[in-house]
Amino acid sequence: MTTYSGPARLILSDGTRVAGMASLSTNLNGGLEGWGGKFRPDQASAELRNAGDSDGLQLELPYDQIGTVAVTGVRKLLATQILMSLVGQGPAPF
């Protein structure tokens, strides 16, 4: 299992980049390789809370490593913070 924890940017379908912190890992389930994890944006917005309804999301890691993701859940942490659950599509960018 490979992991990444650090700065990242979620790229929304309209090209908007949202800075935050990601905690990601790869997994092997029955011979199928996949990846996913959590993303905590620096600032929450209504656009981010609805990101689960969007297609074409990407996660950008340092050094221009980019992976396609889907949002599987959004959880409110504090009044101003959210935590997004992500599942990767295609090869892991880390």
PDB file of N, CA and C in Angstrom:
ATOM      1  N   MET A   1       0.853  -1.169   0.000  1.00  0.00           N
ATOM      2  CA  MET A   1       0.000   0.000   0.000  1.00  0.00           C
ATOM      3  C   MET A   1       0.901   1.236   0.000  1.00  0.00           C
ATOM      4  N   THR A   2       0.612   2.161  -0.891  1.00  0.00           N
ATOM      5  CA  THR A   2       1.323   3.423  -0.982  1.00  0.00           C
ATOM      6  C   THR A   2       0.427   4.519  -0.429  1.00  0.00           C
ATOM      7  N   THR A   3       1.023   5.499   0.245  1.00  0.00           N
ATOM      8  CA  THR A   3       0.225   6.575   0.821  1.00  0.00           C
ATOM      9  C   THR A   3       0.795   7.937   0.458  1.00  0.00           C
ATOM     10  N   TYR A   4      -0.055   8.951   0.543  1.00  0.00           N
ATOM     11  CA  TYR A   4       0.350  10.346   0.387  1.00  0.00           C
ATOM     12  C   TYR A   4      -0.457  11.162   1.381  1.00  0.00           C
ATOM     13  N   SER A   5       0.206  12.063   2.080  1.00  0.00           N
ATOM     14  CA  SER A   5      -0.463  12.977   2.984  1.00  0.00           C
ATOM     15  C   SER A   5       0.228  14.326   2.866  1.00  0.00           C
ATOM     16  N   GLY A   6      -0.530  15.341   2.453  1.00  0.00           N
ATOM     17  CA  GLY A   6       0.065  16.657   2.304  1.00  0.00           C
ATOM     18  C   GLY A   6      -0.804  17.576   1.480  1.00  0.00           C
ATOM     19  N   PRO A   7      -0.208  18.674   0.990  1.00  0.00           N
ATOM     20  CA  PRO A   7      -0.985  19.661   0.239  1.00  0.00           C
ATOM     21  C   PRO A   7      -1.493  19.111  -1.085  1.00  0.00           C
ATOM     22  N   ALA A   8      -2.659  19.594  -1.477  1.00  0.00           N
ATOM     23  CA  ALA A   8      -3.266  19.182  -2.746  1.00  0.00           C
ATOM     24  C   ALA A   8      -4.245  20.256  -3.175  1.00  0.00           C
ATOM     25  N   ARG A   9      -4.654  20.181  -4.445  1.00  0.00           N
ATOM     26  CA  ARG A   9      -5.695  21.083  -4.950  1.00  0.00           C
ATOM     27  C   ARG A   9      -6.731  20.258  -5.679  1.00  0.00           C
ATOM     28  N   LEU A  10      -7.994  20.475  -5.319  1.00  0.00           N
ATOM     29  CA  LEU A  10      -9.100  19.844  -6.013  1.00  0.00           C
ATOM     30  C   LEU A  10      -9.469  20.750  -7.177  1.00  0.00           C
ATOM     31  N   ILE A  11      -9.482  20.190  -8.393  1.00  0.00           N
ATOM     32  CA  ILE A  11      -9.824  20.955  -9.585  1.00  0.00           C
ATOM     33  C   ILE A  11     -11.272  20.619  -9.933  1.00  0.00           C
ATOM     34  N   LEU A  12     -12.138  21.639  -9.826  1.00  0.00           N
ATOM     35  CA  LEU A  12     -13.558  21.450 -10.113  1.00  0.00           C
ATOM     36  C   LEU A  12     -13.793  21.402 -11.615  1.00  0.00           C
ATOM     37  N   SER A  13     -14.972  20.974 -12.023  1.00  0.00           N
ATOM     38  CA  SER A  13     -15.265  20.799 -13.446  1.00  0.00           C
ATOM     39  C   SER A  13     -15.175  22.103 -14.237  1.00  0.00           C
ATOM     40  N   ASP A  14     -15.321  23.266 -13.566  1.00  0.00           N
ATOM     41  CA  ASP A  14     -15.192  24.541 -14.268  1.00  0.00           C
ATOM     42  C   ASP A  14     -13.761  25.065 -14.279  1.00  0.00           C
ATOM     43  N   GLY A  15     -12.806  24.281 -13.748  1.00  0.00           N
ATOM     44  CA  GLY A  15     -11.397  24.669 -13.741  1.00  0.00           C
ATOM     45  C   GLY A  15     -10.940  25.364 -12.476  1.00  0.00           C
ATOM     46  N   THR A  16     -11.868  25.671 -11.572  1.00  0.00           N
ATOM     47  CA  THR A  16     -11.515  26.312 -10.300  1.00  0.00           C
ATOM     48  C   THR A  16     -10.641  25.363  -9.485  1.00  0.00           C
ATOM     49  N   ARG A  17      -9.537  25.895  -8.927  1.00  0.00           N
ATOM     50  CA  ARG A  17      -8.645  25.098  -8.084  1.00  0.00           C
ATOM     51  C   ARG A  17      -8.882  25.474  -6.621  1.00  0.00           C
ATOM     52  N   VAL A  18      -9.092  24.446  -5.790  1.00  0.00           N
ATOM     53  CA  VAL A  18      -9.375  24.645  -4.372  1.00  0.00           C
ATOM     54  C   VAL A  18      -8.242  24.009  -3.576  1.00  0.00           C
ATOM     55  N   ALA A  19      -7.507  24.833  -2.830  1.00  0.00           N
ATOM     56  CA  ALA A  19      -6.370  24.343  -2.044  1.00  0.00           C
ATOM     57  C   ALA A  19      -6.850  23.651  -0.777  1.00  0.00           C
ATOM     58  N   GLY A  20      -6.068  22.675  -0.335  1.00  0.00           N
ATOM     59  CA  GLY A  20      -6.390  21.971   0.898  1.00  0.00           C
ATOM     60  C   GLY A  20      -5.344  20.920   1.206  1.00  0.00           C
ATOM     61  N   MET A  21      -5.713  19.997   2.076  1.00  0.00           N
ATOM     62  CA  MET A  21      -4.830  18.901   2.472  1.00  0.00           C
ATOM     63  C   MET A  21      -5.496  17.574   2.124  1.00  0.00           C
ATOM     64  N   ALA A  22      -4.687  16.647   1.609  1.00  0.00           N
ATOM     65  CA  ALA A  22      -5.195  15.336   1.221  1.00  0.00           C
ATOM     66  C   ALA A  22      -4.493  14.240   2.013  1.00  0.00           C
ATOM     67  N   SER A  23      -5.214  13.180   2.270  1.00  0.00           N
ATOM     68  CA  SER A  23      -4.677  11.966   2.869  1.00  0.00           C
ATOM     69  C   SER A  23      -5.172  10.818   1.993  1.00  0.00           C
ATOM     70  N   LEU A  24      -4.258  10.222   1.220  1.00  0.00           N
ATOM     71  CA  LEU A  24      -4.633   9.243   0.208  1.00  0.00           C
ATOM     72  C   LEU A  24      -3.876   7.938   0.390  1.00  0.00           C
ATOM     73  N   SER A  25      -4.444   6.861  -0.122  1.00  0.00           N
ATOM     74  CA  SER A  25      -3.743   5.575  -0.103  1.00  0.00           C
ATOM     75  C   SER A  25      -4.228   4.702  -1.248  1.00  0.00           C
ATOM     76  N   THR A  26      -3.371   3.783  -1.638  1.00  0.00           N
ATOM     77  CA  THR A  26      -3.756   2.779  -2.625  1.00  0.00           C
ATOM     78  C   THR A  26      -4.235   1.554  -1.871  1.00  0.00           C
ATOM     79  N   ASN A  27      -5.016   0.712  -2.552  1.00  0.00           N
ATOM     80  CA  ASN A  27      -5.477  -0.523  -1.932  1.00  0.00           C
ATOM     81  C   ASN A  27      -5.615  -1.596  -2.999  1.00  0.00           C
ATOM     82  N   LEU A  28      -5.537  -2.808  -2.568  1.00  0.00           N
ATOM     83  CA  LEU A  28      -5.716  -3.956  -3.452  1.00  0.00           C
ATOM     84  C   LEU A  28      -6.888  -4.763  -2.928  1.00  0.00           C
ATOM     85  N   ASN A  29      -7.959  -4.819  -3.697  1.00  0.00           N
ATOM     86  CA  ASN A  29      -9.144  -5.589  -3.304  1.00  0.00           C
ATOM     87  C   ASN A  29      -9.397  -6.673  -4.337  1.00  0.00           C
ATOM     88  N   GLY A  30      -9.133  -7.897  -3.969  1.00  0.00           N
ATOM     89  CA  GLY A  30      -9.380  -9.005  -4.878  1.00  0.00           C
ATOM     90  C   GLY A  30      -8.613  -8.896  -6.185  1.00  0.00           C
ATOM     91  N   GLY A  31      -7.398  -8.352  -6.125  1.00  0.00           N
ATOM     92  CA  GLY A  31      -6.583  -8.219  -7.322  1.00  0.00           C
ATOM     93  C   GLY A  31      -6.838  -6.936  -8.096  1.00  0.00           C
ATOM     94  N   LEU A  32      -7.842  -6.150  -7.680  1.00  0.00           N
ATOM     95  CA  LEU A  32      -8.118  -4.877  -8.334  1.00  0.00           C
ATOM     96  C   LEU A  32      -7.421  -3.763  -7.574  1.00  0.00           C
ATOM     97  N   GLU A  33      -6.619  -2.990  -8.280  1.00  0.00           N
ATOM     98  CA  GLU A  33      -5.903  -1.905  -7.636  1.00  0.00           C
ATOM     99  C   GLU A  33      -6.736  -0.634  -7.720  1.00  0.00           C
ATOM    100  N   GLY A  34      -6.833   0.083  -6.628  1.00  0.00           N
ATOM    101  CA  GLY A  34      -7.567   1.334  -6.593  1.00  0.00           C
ATOM    102  C   GLY A  34      -6.921   2.286  -5.611  1.00  0.00           C
ATOM    103  N   TRP A  35      -7.456   3.484  -5.541  1.00  0.00           N
ATOM    104  CA  TRP A  35      -6.944   4.463  -4.594  1.00  0.00           C
ATOM    105  C   TRP A  35      -8.056   5.432  -4.196  1.00  0.00           C
ATOM    106  N   GLY A  36      -7.836   6.100  -3.086  1.00  0.00           N
ATOM    107  CA  GLY A  36      -8.815   7.054  -2.601  1.00  0.00           C
ATOM    108  C   GLY A  36      -8.357   7.631  -1.283  1.00  0.00           C
ATOM    109  N   GLY A  37      -9.232   8.386  -0.652  1.00  0.00           N
ATOM    110  CA  GLY A  37      -8.896   8.973   0.637  1.00  0.00           C
ATOM    111  C   GLY A  37      -9.757  10.162   0.967  1.00  0.00           C
ATOM    112  N   LYS A  38      -9.175  11.100   1.692  1.00  0.00           N
ATOM    113  CA  LYS A  38      -9.888  12.278   2.195  1.00  0.00           C
ATOM    114  C   LYS A  38      -9.227  13.551   1.688  1.00  0.00           C
ATOM    115  N   PHE A  39     -10.046  14.607   1.523  1.00  0.00           N
ATOM    116  CA  PHE A  39      -9.560  15.927   1.156  1.00  0.00           C
ATOM    117  C   PHE A  39     -10.258  16.943   2.043  1.00  0.00           C
ATOM    118  N   ARG A  40      -9.458  17.786   2.711  1.00  0.00           N
ATOM    119  CA  ARG A  40     -10.003  18.853   3.563  1.00  0.00           C
ATOM    120  C   ARG A  40      -9.620  20.187   2.945  1.00  0.00           C
ATOM    121  N   PRO A  41     -10.583  20.865   2.305  1.00  0.00           N
ATOM    122  CA  PRO A  41     -10.276  22.157   1.685  1.00  0.00           C
ATOM    123  C   PRO A  41      -9.971  23.216   2.743  1.00  0.00           C
ATOM    124  N   ASP A  42      -9.116  24.173   2.371  1.00  0.00           N
ATOM    125  CA  ASP A  42      -8.779  25.270   3.288  1.00  0.00           C
ATOM    126  C   ASP A  42     -10.009  26.104   3.609  1.00  0.00           C
ATOM    127  N   GLN A  43     -10.898  26.283   2.628  1.00  0.00           N
ATOM    128  CA  GLN A  43     -12.127  27.041   2.838  1.00  0.00           C
ATOM    129  C   GLN A  43     -13.285  26.284   2.206  1.00  0.00           C
ATOM    130  N   ALA A  44     -14.367  26.146   2.942  1.00  0.00           N
ATOM    131  CA  ALA A  44     -15.550  25.446   2.436  1.00  0.00           C
ATOM    132  C   ALA A  44     -16.451  26.431   1.694  1.00  0.00           C
ATOM    133  N   SER A  45     -17.167  25.929   0.702  1.00  0.00           N
ATOM    134  CA  SER A  45     -18.129  26.750  -0.030  1.00  0.00           C
ATOM    135  C   SER A  45     -19.293  25.861  -0.457  1.00  0.00           C
ATOM    136  N   ALA A  46     -20.389  26.491  -0.854  1.00  0.00           N
ATOM    137  CA  ALA A  46     -21.547  25.735  -1.329  1.00  0.00           C
ATOM    138  C   ALA A  46     -21.174  24.927  -2.565  1.00  0.00           C
ATOM    139  N   GLU A  47     -20.297  25.483  -3.398  1.00  0.00           N
ATOM    140  CA  GLU A  47     -19.838  24.787  -4.611  1.00  0.00           C
ATOM    141  C   GLU A  47     -19.141  23.478  -4.250  1.00  0.00           C
ATOM    142  N   LEU A  48     -18.334  23.500  -3.198  1.00  0.00           N
ATOM    143  CA  LEU A  48     -17.642  22.281  -2.759  1.00  0.00           C
ATOM    144  C   LEU A  48     -18.612  21.290  -2.147  1.00  0.00           C
ATOM    145  N   ARG A  49     -19.568  21.768  -1.380  1.00  0.00           N
ATOM    146  CA  ARG A  49     -20.535  20.860  -0.751  1.00  0.00           C
ATOM    147  C   ARG A  49     -21.346  20.101  -1.799  1.00  0.00           C
ATOM    148  N   ASN A  50     -21.496  20.693  -2.976  1.00  0.00           N
ATOM    149  CA  ASN A  50     -22.243  20.061  -4.063  1.00  0.00           C
ATOM    150  C   ASN A  50     -21.335  19.366  -5.076  1.00  0.00           C
ATOM    151  N   ALA A  51     -20.050  19.285  -4.793  1.00  0.00           N
ATOM    152  CA  ALA A  51     -19.094  18.704  -5.745  1.00  0.00           C
ATOM    153  C   ALA A  51     -19.374  17.231  -6.019  1.00  0.00           C
ATOM    154  N   GLY A  52     -20.052  16.552  -5.101  1.00  0.00           N
ATOM    155  CA  GLY A  52     -20.382  15.145  -5.303  1.00  0.00           C
ATOM    156  C   GLY A  52     -21.304  14.914  -6.486  1.00  0.00           C
ATOM    157  N   ASP A  53     -21.999  15.967  -6.899  1.00  0.00           N
ATOM    158  CA  ASP A  53     -22.911  15.865  -8.037  1.00  0.00           C
ATOM    159  C   ASP A  53     -22.203  16.146  -9.359  1.00  0.00           C
ATOM    160  N   SER A  54     -20.911  16.478  -9.304  1.00  0.00           N
ATOM    161  CA  SER A  54     -20.171  16.885 -10.506  1.00  0.00           C
ATOM    162  C   SER A  54     -19.324  15.755 -11.064  1.00  0.00           C
ATOM    163  N   ASP A  55     -19.143  15.776 -12.367  1.00  0.00           N
ATOM    164  CA  ASP A  55     -18.205  14.874 -13.031  1.00  0.00           C
ATOM    165  C   ASP A  55     -16.973  15.681 -13.418  1.00  0.00           C
ATOM    166  N   GLY A  56     -15.902  14.993 -13.734  1.00  0.00           N
ATOM    167  CA  GLY A  56     -14.711  15.673 -14.232  1.00  0.00           C
ATOM    168  C   GLY A  56     -13.880  16.351 -13.164  1.00  0.00           C
ATOM    169  N   LEU A  57     -13.916  15.846 -11.939  1.00  0.00           N
ATOM    170  CA  LEU A  57     -13.087  16.402 -10.873  1.00  0.00           C
ATOM    171  C   LEU A  57     -11.702  15.779 -10.925  1.00  0.00           C
ATOM    172  N   GLN A  58     -10.700  16.577 -10.569  1.00  0.00           N
ATOM    173  CA  GLN A  58      -9.328  16.076 -10.528  1.00  0.00           C
ATOM    174  C   GLN A  58      -8.672  16.535  -9.241  1.00  0.00           C
ATOM    175  N   LEU A  59      -7.685  15.772  -8.798  1.00  0.00           N
ATOM    176  CA  LEU A  59      -6.904  16.126  -7.623  1.00  0.00           C
ATOM    177  C   LEU A  59      -5.468  16.338  -8.078  1.00  0.00           C
ATOM    178  N   GLU A  60      -4.936  17.519  -7.787  1.00  0.00           N
ATOM    179  CA  GLU A  60      -3.574  17.862  -8.192  1.00  0.00           C
ATOM    180  C   GLU A  60      -2.663  17.849  -6.975  1.00  0.00           C
ATOM    181  N   LEU A  61      -1.596  17.070  -7.062  1.00  0.00           N
ATOM    182  CA  LEU A  61      -0.602  16.990  -6.005  1.00  0.00           C
ATOM    183  C   LEU A  61       0.615  17.804  -6.423  1.00  0.00           C
ATOM    184  N   PRO A  62       1.544  18.053  -5.504  1.00  0.00           N
ATOM    185  CA  PRO A  62       2.749  18.792  -5.883  1.00  0.00           C
ATOM    186  C   PRO A  62       3.460  18.135  -7.072  1.00  0.00           C
ATOM    187  N   TYR A  63       4.207  18.939  -7.806  1.00  0.00           N
ATOM    188  CA  TYR A  63       4.963  18.485  -8.982  1.00  0.00           C
ATOM    189  C   TYR A  63       4.052  18.060 -10.121  1.00  0.00           C
ATOM    190  N   ASP A  64       2.876  18.713 -10.221  1.00  0.00           N
ATOM    191  CA  ASP A  64       1.947  18.518 -11.338  1.00  0.00           C
ATOM    192  C   ASP A  64       1.454  17.087 -11.509  1.00  0.00           C
ATOM    193  N   GLN A  65       1.343  16.360 -10.423  1.00  0.00           N
ATOM    194  CA  GLN A  65       0.765  15.023 -10.476  1.00  0.00           C
ATOM    195  C   GLN A  65      -0.739  15.164 -10.326  1.00  0.00           C
ATOM    196  N   ILE A  66      -1.514  14.660 -11.309  1.00  0.00           N
ATOM    197  CA  ILE A  66      -2.959  14.846 -11.317  1.00  0.00           C
ATOM    198  C   ILE A  66      -3.662  13.504 -11.496  1.00  0.00           C
ATOM    199  N   GLY A  67      -4.716  13.303 -10.725  1.00  0.00           N
ATOM    200  CA  GLY A  67      -5.537  12.101 -10.844  1.00  0.00           C
ATOM    201  C   GLY A  67      -7.008  12.474 -10.868  1.00  0.00           C
ATOM    202  N   THR A  68      -7.792  11.710 -11.587  1.00  0.00           N
ATOM    203  CA  THR A  68      -9.238  11.921 -11.655  1.00  0.00           C
ATOM    204  C   THR A  68      -9.891  11.301 -10.423  1.00  0.00           C
ATOM    205  N   VAL A  69     -10.835  12.036  -9.827  1.00  0.00           N
ATOM    206  CA  VAL A  69     -11.502  11.564  -8.616  1.00  0.00           C
ATOM    207  C   VAL A  69     -13.007  11.772  -8.703  1.00  0.00           C
ATOM    208  N   ALA A  70     -13.714  11.039  -7.860  1.00  0.00           N
ATOM    209  CA  ALA A  70     -15.143  11.238  -7.654  1.00  0.00           C
ATOM    210  C   ALA A  70     -15.353  11.442  -6.160  1.00  0.00           C
ATOM    211  N   VAL A  71     -16.256  12.318  -5.792  1.00  0.00           N
ATOM    212  CA  VAL A  71     -16.575  12.573  -4.393  1.00  0.00           C
ATOM    213  C   VAL A  71     -17.661  11.579  -3.968  1.00  0.00           C
ATOM    214  N   THR A  72     -17.367  10.808  -2.923  1.00  0.00           N
ATOM    215  CA  THR A  72     -18.333   9.824  -2.446  1.00  0.00           C
ATOM    216  C   THR A  72     -19.055  10.285  -1.187  1.00  0.00           C
ATOM    217  N   GLY A  73     -18.578  11.377  -0.583  1.00  0.00           N
ATOM    218  CA  GLY A  73     -19.236  11.897   0.603  1.00  0.00           C
ATOM    219  C   GLY A  73     -18.634  13.218   1.033  1.00  0.00           C
ATOM    220  N   VAL A  74     -19.457  14.040   1.663  1.00  0.00           N
ATOM    221  CA  VAL A  74     -19.011  15.318   2.222  1.00  0.00           C
ATOM    222  C   VAL A  74     -19.549  15.400   3.639  1.00  0.00           C
ATOM    223  N   ARG A  75     -18.636  15.628   4.585  1.00  0.00           N
ATOM    224  CA  ARG A  75     -19.023  15.666   6.002  1.00  0.00           C
ATOM    225  C   ARG A  75     -18.592  17.001   6.600  1.00  0.00           C
ATOM    226  N   LYS A  76     -19.461  17.610   7.352  1.00  0.00           N
ATOM    227  CA  LYS A  76     -19.151  18.872   8.022  1.00  0.00           C
ATOM    228  C   LYS A  76     -18.322  18.572   9.264  1.00  0.00           C
ATOM    229  N   LEU A  77     -17.151  19.232   9.380  1.00  0.00           N
ATOM    230  CA  LEU A  77     -16.305  19.049  10.559  1.00  0.00           C
ATOM    231  C   LEU A  77     -16.590  20.107  11.611  1.00  0.00           C
ATOM    232  N   LEU A  78     -16.502  21.354  11.206  1.00  0.00           N
ATOM    233  CA  LEU A  78     -16.785  22.497  12.069  1.00  0.00           C
ATOM    234  C   LEU A  78     -17.695  23.430  11.286  1.00  0.00           C
ATOM    235  N   ALA A  79     -18.026  24.562  11.849  1.00  0.00           N
ATOM    236  CA  ALA A  79     -18.909  25.506  11.160  1.00  0.00           C
ATOM    237  C   ALA A  79     -18.329  25.940   9.817  1.00  0.00           C
ATOM    238  N   THR A  80     -17.012  25.972   9.710  1.00  0.00           N
ATOM    239  CA  THR A  80     -16.384  26.476   8.484  1.00  0.00           C
ATOM    240  C   THR A  80     -15.549  25.432   7.752  1.00  0.00           C
ATOM    241  N   GLN A  81     -15.553  24.175   8.176  1.00  0.00           N
ATOM    242  CA  GLN A  81     -14.717  23.157   7.549  1.00  0.00           C
ATOM    243  C   GLN A  81     -15.534  21.939   7.141  1.00  0.00           C
ATOM    244  N   ILE A  82     -15.111  21.316   6.019  1.00  0.00           N
ATOM    245  CA  ILE A  82     -15.721  20.070   5.568  1.00  0.00           C
ATOM    246  C   ILE A  82     -14.619  19.062   5.270  1.00  0.00           C
ATOM    247  N   LEU A  83     -14.978  17.795   5.240  1.00  0.00           N
ATOM    248  CA  LEU A  83     -14.075  16.709   4.885  1.00  0.00           C
ATOM    249  C   LEU A  83     -14.734  15.927   3.759  1.00  0.00           C
ATOM    250  N   MET A  84     -14.020  15.790   2.662  1.00  0.00           N
ATOM    251  CA  MET A  84     -14.567  15.121   1.473  1.00  0.00           C
ATOM    252  C   MET A  84     -13.927  13.744   1.323  1.00  0.00           C
ATOM    253  N   SER A  85     -14.748  12.737   1.090  1.00  0.00           N
ATOM    254  CA  SER A  85     -14.266  11.396   0.803  1.00  0.00           C
ATOM    255  C   SER A  85     -14.134  11.268  -0.714  1.00  0.00           C
ATOM    256  N   LEU A  86     -12.981  10.778  -1.167  1.00  0.00           N
ATOM    257  CA  LEU A  86     -12.707  10.653  -2.592  1.00  0.00           C
ATOM    258  C   LEU A  86     -12.384   9.225  -2.979  1.00  0.00           C
ATOM    259  N   VAL A  87     -12.744   8.853  -4.185  1.00  0.00           N
ATOM    260  CA  VAL A  87     -12.307   7.595  -4.759  1.00  0.00           C
ATOM    261  C   VAL A  87     -11.658   7.933  -6.100  1.00  0.00           C
ATOM    262  N   GLY A  88     -10.469   7.385  -6.290  1.00  0.00           N
ATOM    263  CA  GLY A  88      -9.721   7.674  -7.513  1.00  0.00           C
ATOM    264  C   GLY A  88     -10.177   6.838  -8.684  1.00  0.00           C
ATOM    265  N   GLN A  89      -9.981   7.392  -9.870  1.00  0.00           N
ATOM    266  CA  GLN A  89     -10.294   6.700 -11.109  1.00  0.00           C
ATOM    267  C   GLN A  89      -9.024   6.683 -11.943  1.00  0.00           C
ATOM    268  N   GLY A  90      -8.577   5.510 -12.336  1.00  0.00           N
ATOM    269  CA  GLY A  90      -7.340   5.411 -13.092  1.00  0.00           C
ATOM    270  C   GLY A  90      -6.147   5.294 -12.168  1.00  0.00           C
ATOM    271  N   PRO A  91      -4.945   5.520 -12.714  1.00  0.00           N
ATOM    272  CA  PRO A  91      -3.735   5.359 -11.910  1.00  0.00           C
ATOM    273  C   PRO A  91      -3.616   6.426 -10.825  1.00  0.00           C
ATOM    274  N   ALA A  92      -3.038   6.032  -9.693  1.00  0.00           N
ATOM    275  CA  ALA A  92      -2.830   6.969  -8.569  1.00  0.00           C
ATOM    276  C   ALA A  92      -1.747   7.976  -8.935  1.00  0.00           C
ATOM    277  N   PRO A  93      -1.920   9.251  -8.570  1.00  0.00           N
ATOM    278  CA  PRO A  93      -0.932  10.268  -8.904  1.00  0.00           C
ATOM    279  C   PRO A  93       0.218  10.365  -7.907  1.00  0.00           C
ATOM    280  N   PHE A  94       0.350   9.383  -7.028  1.00  0.00           N
ATOM    281  CA  PHE A  94       1.423   9.422  -6.020  1.00  0.00           C
ATOM    282  C   PHE A  94       2.159   8.115  -5.962  1.00  0.00           C
TER     283      PHE A  94
END
